[in-house]
Amino acid sequence: GGQAAAVAGGGARCALEPDAVPPRHLGHALALAPHASACFAAPQSLRYVLCGGSWDNSVRAVSTDSGRLLQACVAHKDIVTSLALSADGATLASGSADTTVMLWDATPQPERDVLPLAGAPRAVLRGHQDAVVALAVDADLDLVVSGGADGCTILHALRSGQYLRALAPPGASPGAASLLVIAPGVLPCVVVYTAGDLSVRSYTFNGRLLARGDARERLHALSVCAEGDVLVAGGDRGVVCVRRTHDLVTTRTLRPPSAAA
């Protein structure tokens, strides 16, 4: 961060200032800094990063090579609170504090004169009563799952945007879904982590509750293997927990030497 000195041709010393915005830093502040991890997505090509959380309610595409803003699309009426990109990079889902989910056509590897996103969303999905805080997308299964701060988790068809159903656990609502994954395994299911009660639940696409597990910590990451039968979770303790997706039984726990039991 300091200045560097150089000697000009005439022998005079001059100061070299570093770039105000390093090439791989985003050049704008996020409105959702404490909860910003859900506001980023990138295609497998890693040509650009998509980000929400901006005060202007935009979805932005930023070059990973130069840090240059490639595109800013404004369609939501409030801050974009979550993003999810399909594995093929062709569809982006954006969730917002305006309670809607928007679906955008995307270009995984845009050429020089091609923008990463279509100029306007191709569908607007509704059903939440509060901000959309978590999203998951699977193009092969034609499914987009959204979790709202209202505690409701909703399934829509990805291609048509048609409402399918809401997932409701028995009894009182545990609160908002903090993390969502779609598991395309032998028994395809949706896995929902809720920070309010530190629980993990798996549901069939028809809305039937398959299993409930206790995370026993605040989770920050949830992912499934390519086959979709194994769930990997990590949280505050620095421990990686491996579970089966359909019954949430823990099959392995990976602990660093310093992690507490």
Protein backbone atom coordinates (compact mmCIF):
# COMPACT_ATOMS: atom_id res chain seq x y z
CA GLY A 1 0.00 0.00 0.00
CA GLY A 2 2.73 2.70 0.12
CA GLN A 3 4.37 4.83 -2.53
CA ALA A 4 7.29 3.68 -4.66
CA ALA A 5 10.07 6.05 -5.68
CA ALA A 6 11.66 6.23 -9.12
CA VAL A 7 14.33 8.39 -10.75
CA ALA A 8 13.27 10.30 -13.84
CA GLY A 9 15.56 10.85 -16.82
CA GLY A 10 16.83 14.18 -15.45
CA GLY A 11 17.72 12.68 -12.07
CA ALA A 12 14.65 14.03 -10.26
CA ARG A 13 12.82 11.63 -7.96
CA CYS A 14 9.11 11.06 -8.55
CA ALA A 15 6.53 9.00 -6.70
CA LEU A 16 4.66 6.12 -8.31
CA GLU A 17 1.14 5.75 -6.98
CA PRO A 18 -0.46 2.28 -6.99
CA ASP A 19 -3.70 1.84 -8.93
CA ALA A 20 -6.68 3.08 -6.95
CA VAL A 21 -8.52 -0.16 -7.78
CA PRO A 22 -6.29 -3.25 -8.14
CA PRO A 23 -7.18 -5.23 -11.30
CA ARG A 24 -8.86 -8.10 -9.44
CA HIS A 25 -10.80 -6.00 -6.95
CA LEU A 26 -14.41 -4.95 -7.45
CA GLY A 27 -14.54 -1.20 -7.78
CA HIS A 28 -17.71 -0.63 -5.78
CA ALA A 29 -18.94 -1.16 -2.25
CA LEU A 30 -21.62 -3.75 -1.55
CA ALA A 31 -24.77 -2.93 0.34
CA LEU A 32 -24.83 -6.45 1.79
CA ALA A 33 -21.24 -6.82 2.96
CA PRO A 34 -22.02 -9.06 5.99
CA HIS A 35 -24.05 -11.46 3.81
CA ALA A 36 -22.35 -10.97 0.46
CA SER A 37 -21.31 -14.57 -0.28
CA ALA A 38 -24.69 -15.40 -1.85
CA CYS A 39 -24.33 -12.44 -4.24
CA PHE A 40 -21.61 -13.91 -6.47
CA ALA A 41 -21.59 -16.44 -9.30
CA ALA A 42 -19.20 -17.34 -12.12
CA PRO A 43 -19.30 -19.63 -15.18
CA GLN A 44 -16.87 -22.53 -15.47
CA SER A 45 -14.86 -20.53 -17.99
CA LEU A 46 -14.13 -17.97 -15.23
CA ARG A 47 -14.15 -15.27 -17.89
CA TYR A 48 -16.21 -13.03 -15.63
CA VAL A 49 -17.81 -12.80 -12.19
CA LEU A 50 -21.47 -11.91 -11.68
CA CYS A 51 -22.28 -9.95 -8.56
CA GLY A 52 -25.28 -8.41 -6.84
CA GLY A 53 -25.52 -6.48 -3.59
CA SER A 54 -25.08 -3.07 -5.23
CA TRP A 55 -26.95 0.02 -4.09
CA ASP A 56 -28.26 0.59 -7.63
CA ASN A 57 -30.11 -2.79 -7.60
CA SER A 58 -28.03 -4.06 -10.52
CA VAL A 59 -26.60 -7.41 -11.51
CA ARG A 60 -23.03 -6.71 -12.62
CA ALA A 61 -20.59 -8.66 -14.76
CA VAL A 62 -16.92 -7.98 -14.02
CA SER A 63 -13.95 -9.25 -16.04
CA THR A 64 -11.72 -11.60 -14.06
CA ASP A 65 -8.69 -10.58 -16.12
CA SER A 66 -8.89 -6.82 -15.76
CA GLY A 67 -11.49 -6.14 -13.08
CA ARG A 68 -13.30 -4.00 -15.66
CA LEU A 69 -17.07 -3.64 -15.44
CA LEU A 70 -18.47 -5.40 -18.50
CA GLN A 71 -22.17 -4.91 -17.88
CA ALA A 72 -24.68 -3.67 -15.31
CA CYS A 73 -28.30 -4.80 -15.66
CA VAL A 74 -31.01 -3.12 -13.60
CA ALA A 75 -34.41 -4.83 -13.47
CA HIS A 76 -35.06 -5.45 -9.77
CA LYS A 77 -36.71 -2.74 -7.68
CA ASP A 78 -34.50 -3.38 -4.64
CA ILE A 79 -31.03 -4.73 -3.83
CA VAL A 80 -30.06 -8.05 -5.42
CA THR A 81 -29.56 -10.38 -2.46
CA SER A 82 -28.65 -13.70 -4.10
CA LEU A 83 -27.43 -15.20 -7.38
CA ALA A 84 -27.22 -18.72 -8.81
CA LEU A 85 -25.85 -19.78 -12.20
CA SER A 86 -26.69 -23.06 -13.92
CA ALA A 87 -23.81 -25.50 -14.39
CA ASP A 88 -23.77 -24.89 -18.15
CA GLY A 89 -23.55 -21.15 -17.53
CA ALA A 90 -26.58 -20.45 -19.73
CA THR A 91 -29.08 -19.30 -17.10
CA LEU A 92 -28.68 -16.92 -14.18
CA ALA A 93 -31.23 -16.61 -11.38
CA SER A 94 -31.21 -13.41 -9.34
CA GLY A 95 -33.12 -12.92 -6.10
CA SER A 96 -33.87 -9.56 -4.56
CA ALA A 97 -35.16 -7.73 -1.53
CA ASP A 98 -38.11 -6.84 -3.79
CA THR A 99 -39.27 -10.48 -3.17
CA THR A 100 -38.89 -11.61 -6.80
CA VAL A 101 -36.60 -14.03 -8.63
CA MET A 102 -35.56 -13.14 -12.18
CA LEU A 103 -34.18 -15.51 -14.80
CA TRP A 104 -31.59 -14.22 -17.27
CA ASP A 105 -30.11 -15.80 -20.39
CA ALA A 106 -26.32 -15.83 -20.01
CA THR A 107 -23.32 -16.40 -22.29
CA PRO A 108 -20.69 -18.61 -20.57
CA GLN A 109 -17.80 -17.53 -22.84
CA PRO A 110 -18.68 -14.17 -24.41
CA GLU A 111 -16.60 -12.89 -27.30
CA ARG A 112 -15.21 -9.37 -27.33
CA ASP A 113 -18.44 -7.72 -28.53
CA VAL A 114 -20.90 -10.04 -26.75
CA LEU A 115 -22.20 -9.12 -23.30
CA PRO A 116 -22.42 -11.84 -20.61
CA LEU A 117 -26.15 -11.29 -19.90
CA ALA A 118 -29.22 -10.55 -21.96
CA GLY A 119 -30.32 -6.96 -21.50
CA ALA A 120 -33.54 -7.94 -19.70
CA PRO A 121 -34.72 -10.98 -17.72
CA ARG A 122 -36.74 -13.58 -19.60
CA ALA A 123 -38.97 -14.39 -16.62
CA VAL A 124 -39.98 -12.97 -13.24
CA LEU A 125 -40.88 -15.51 -10.54
CA ARG A 126 -43.10 -14.56 -7.63
CA GLY A 127 -44.40 -16.12 -4.43
CA HIS A 128 -42.22 -14.79 -1.62
CA GLN A 129 -43.43 -12.24 0.92
CA ASP A 130 -39.93 -11.08 1.91
CA ALA A 131 -36.42 -10.83 0.47
CA VAL A 132 -35.04 -13.80 -1.46
CA VAL A 133 -31.92 -14.86 0.43
CA ALA A 134 -30.88 -18.17 -1.17
CA LEU A 135 -31.06 -19.72 -4.65
CA ALA A 136 -30.19 -22.97 -6.42
CA VAL A 137 -30.51 -23.81 -10.13
CA ASP A 138 -30.31 -27.08 -12.07
CA ALA A 139 -30.84 -26.87 -15.84
CA ASP A 140 -30.87 -30.66 -16.36
CA LEU A 141 -33.69 -31.04 -13.83
CA ASP A 142 -35.47 -27.88 -15.06
CA LEU A 143 -35.60 -26.52 -11.52
CA VAL A 144 -34.93 -23.30 -9.64
CA VAL A 145 -35.30 -23.24 -5.86
CA SER A 146 -35.55 -20.01 -3.88
CA GLY A 147 -35.50 -19.40 -0.14
CA GLY A 148 -37.05 -16.27 1.32
CA ALA A 149 -36.59 -14.38 4.55
CA ASP A 150 -40.28 -15.19 5.08
CA GLY A 151 -39.24 -18.79 5.81
CA CYS A 152 -40.74 -20.12 2.57
CA THR A 153 -38.79 -22.27 0.08
CA ILE A 154 -40.35 -22.31 -3.40
CA LEU A 155 -39.77 -24.49 -6.47
CA HIS A 156 -40.27 -23.15 -10.01
CA ALA A 157 -39.67 -24.70 -13.43
CA LEU A 158 -36.49 -23.16 -14.82
CA ARG A 159 -37.46 -23.12 -18.50
CA SER A 160 -41.09 -21.98 -18.23
CA GLY A 161 -40.95 -20.13 -14.90
CA GLN A 162 -44.06 -22.00 -13.76
CA TYR A 163 -44.70 -22.20 -10.01
CA LEU A 164 -44.46 -25.81 -8.81
CA ARG A 165 -44.79 -25.89 -5.02
CA ALA A 166 -43.57 -24.61 -1.67
CA LEU A 167 -41.60 -26.72 0.80
CA ALA A 168 -43.02 -26.61 4.31
CA PRO A 169 -41.52 -28.57 7.24
CA PRO A 170 -43.98 -30.03 9.75
CA GLY A 171 -44.78 -27.72 12.67
CA ALA A 172 -43.61 -24.15 13.07
CA SER A 173 -41.37 -22.64 10.40
CA PRO A 174 -37.66 -22.88 11.34
CA GLY A 175 -37.00 -19.56 9.60
CA ALA A 176 -35.33 -18.52 6.38
CA ALA A 177 -33.34 -20.96 4.27
CA SER A 178 -29.73 -19.80 4.48
CA LEU A 179 -28.24 -22.32 2.02
CA LEU A 180 -29.86 -24.42 -0.71
CA VAL A 181 -28.60 -27.20 -2.99
CA ILE A 182 -30.30 -29.40 -5.57
CA ALA A 183 -29.09 -33.01 -5.36
CA PRO A 184 -29.67 -34.94 -8.63
CA GLY A 185 -28.89 -38.34 -7.12
CA VAL A 186 -30.61 -41.73 -7.28
CA LEU A 187 -33.33 -40.08 -5.19
CA PRO A 188 -33.30 -36.46 -6.41
CA CYS A 189 -33.96 -33.97 -3.64
CA VAL A 190 -33.58 -30.41 -2.40
CA VAL A 191 -31.43 -29.86 0.70
CA VAL A 192 -32.17 -26.81 2.84
CA TYR A 193 -30.02 -25.44 5.67
CA THR A 194 -31.73 -23.09 8.12
CA ALA A 195 -29.55 -20.94 10.37
CA GLY A 196 -32.44 -20.20 12.72
CA ASP A 197 -32.36 -23.69 14.23
CA LEU A 198 -29.09 -24.99 12.69
CA SER A 199 -31.02 -27.71 10.87
CA VAL A 200 -30.55 -29.44 7.52
CA ARG A 201 -33.57 -30.90 5.74
CA SER A 202 -33.96 -32.85 2.52
CA TYR A 203 -37.17 -32.89 0.46
CA THR A 204 -38.32 -34.69 -2.66
CA PHE A 205 -39.29 -32.50 -5.59
CA ASN A 206 -42.89 -33.32 -4.70
CA GLY A 207 -42.41 -31.61 -1.35
CA ARG A 208 -42.16 -34.68 0.91
CA LEU A 209 -39.75 -34.34 3.82
CA LEU A 210 -37.16 -37.12 3.57
CA ALA A 211 -34.94 -36.39 6.56
CA ARG A 212 -33.89 -33.80 9.11
CA GLY A 213 -30.40 -33.45 10.55
CA ASP A 214 -28.70 -31.17 13.06
CA ALA A 215 -25.77 -29.17 11.75
CA ARG A 216 -24.61 -28.38 15.32
CA GLU A 217 -22.90 -25.24 14.02
CA ARG A 218 -23.50 -22.28 11.75
CA LEU A 219 -22.81 -23.45 8.19
CA HIS A 220 -21.19 -21.26 5.55
CA ALA A 221 -20.97 -23.70 2.63
CA LEU A 222 -23.11 -26.51 1.27
CA SER A 223 -22.33 -28.48 -1.87
CA VAL A 224 -23.17 -31.78 -3.56
CA CYS A 225 -20.96 -34.09 -5.60
CA ALA A 226 -21.55 -34.43 -9.33
CA GLU A 227 -23.53 -37.66 -8.88
CA GLY A 228 -25.77 -35.88 -6.37
CA ASP A 229 -25.80 -38.51 -3.62
CA VAL A 230 -23.21 -36.95 -1.29
CA LEU A 231 -23.52 -33.63 0.54
CA VAL A 232 -20.51 -31.70 1.88
CA ALA A 233 -20.96 -28.98 4.52
CA GLY A 234 -18.57 -26.64 6.32
CA GLY A 235 -19.09 -24.06 9.04
CA ASP A 236 -17.79 -22.18 12.06
CA ARG A 237 -15.83 -25.11 13.54
CA GLY A 238 -13.64 -25.55 10.46
CA VAL A 239 -14.90 -29.12 10.11
CA VAL A 240 -16.04 -30.69 6.82
CA CYS A 241 -19.05 -32.95 7.28
CA VAL A 242 -19.96 -35.49 4.59
CA ARG A 243 -23.56 -36.75 4.51
CA ARG A 244 -25.81 -38.78 2.25
CA THR A 245 -28.31 -36.45 0.63
CA HIS A 246 -31.49 -38.53 0.93
CA ASP A 247 -31.30 -39.38 4.66
CA LEU A 248 -28.63 -36.86 5.83
CA VAL A 249 -26.69 -39.57 7.68
CA THR A 250 -23.10 -38.44 8.35
CA THR A 251 -20.65 -40.81 6.66
CA ARG A 252 -17.42 -38.97 7.37
CA THR A 253 -16.10 -35.98 9.31
CA LEU A 254 -12.87 -34.28 8.27
CA ARG A 255 -11.17 -32.23 10.98
CA PRO A 256 -8.05 -30.10 10.79
CA PRO A 257 -5.61 -30.71 13.67
CA SER A 258 -6.69 -27.52 15.46
CA ALA A 259 -10.46 -28.04 15.13
CA ALA A 260 -12.45 -28.56 18.30
CA ALA A 261 -14.35 -31.78 18.67
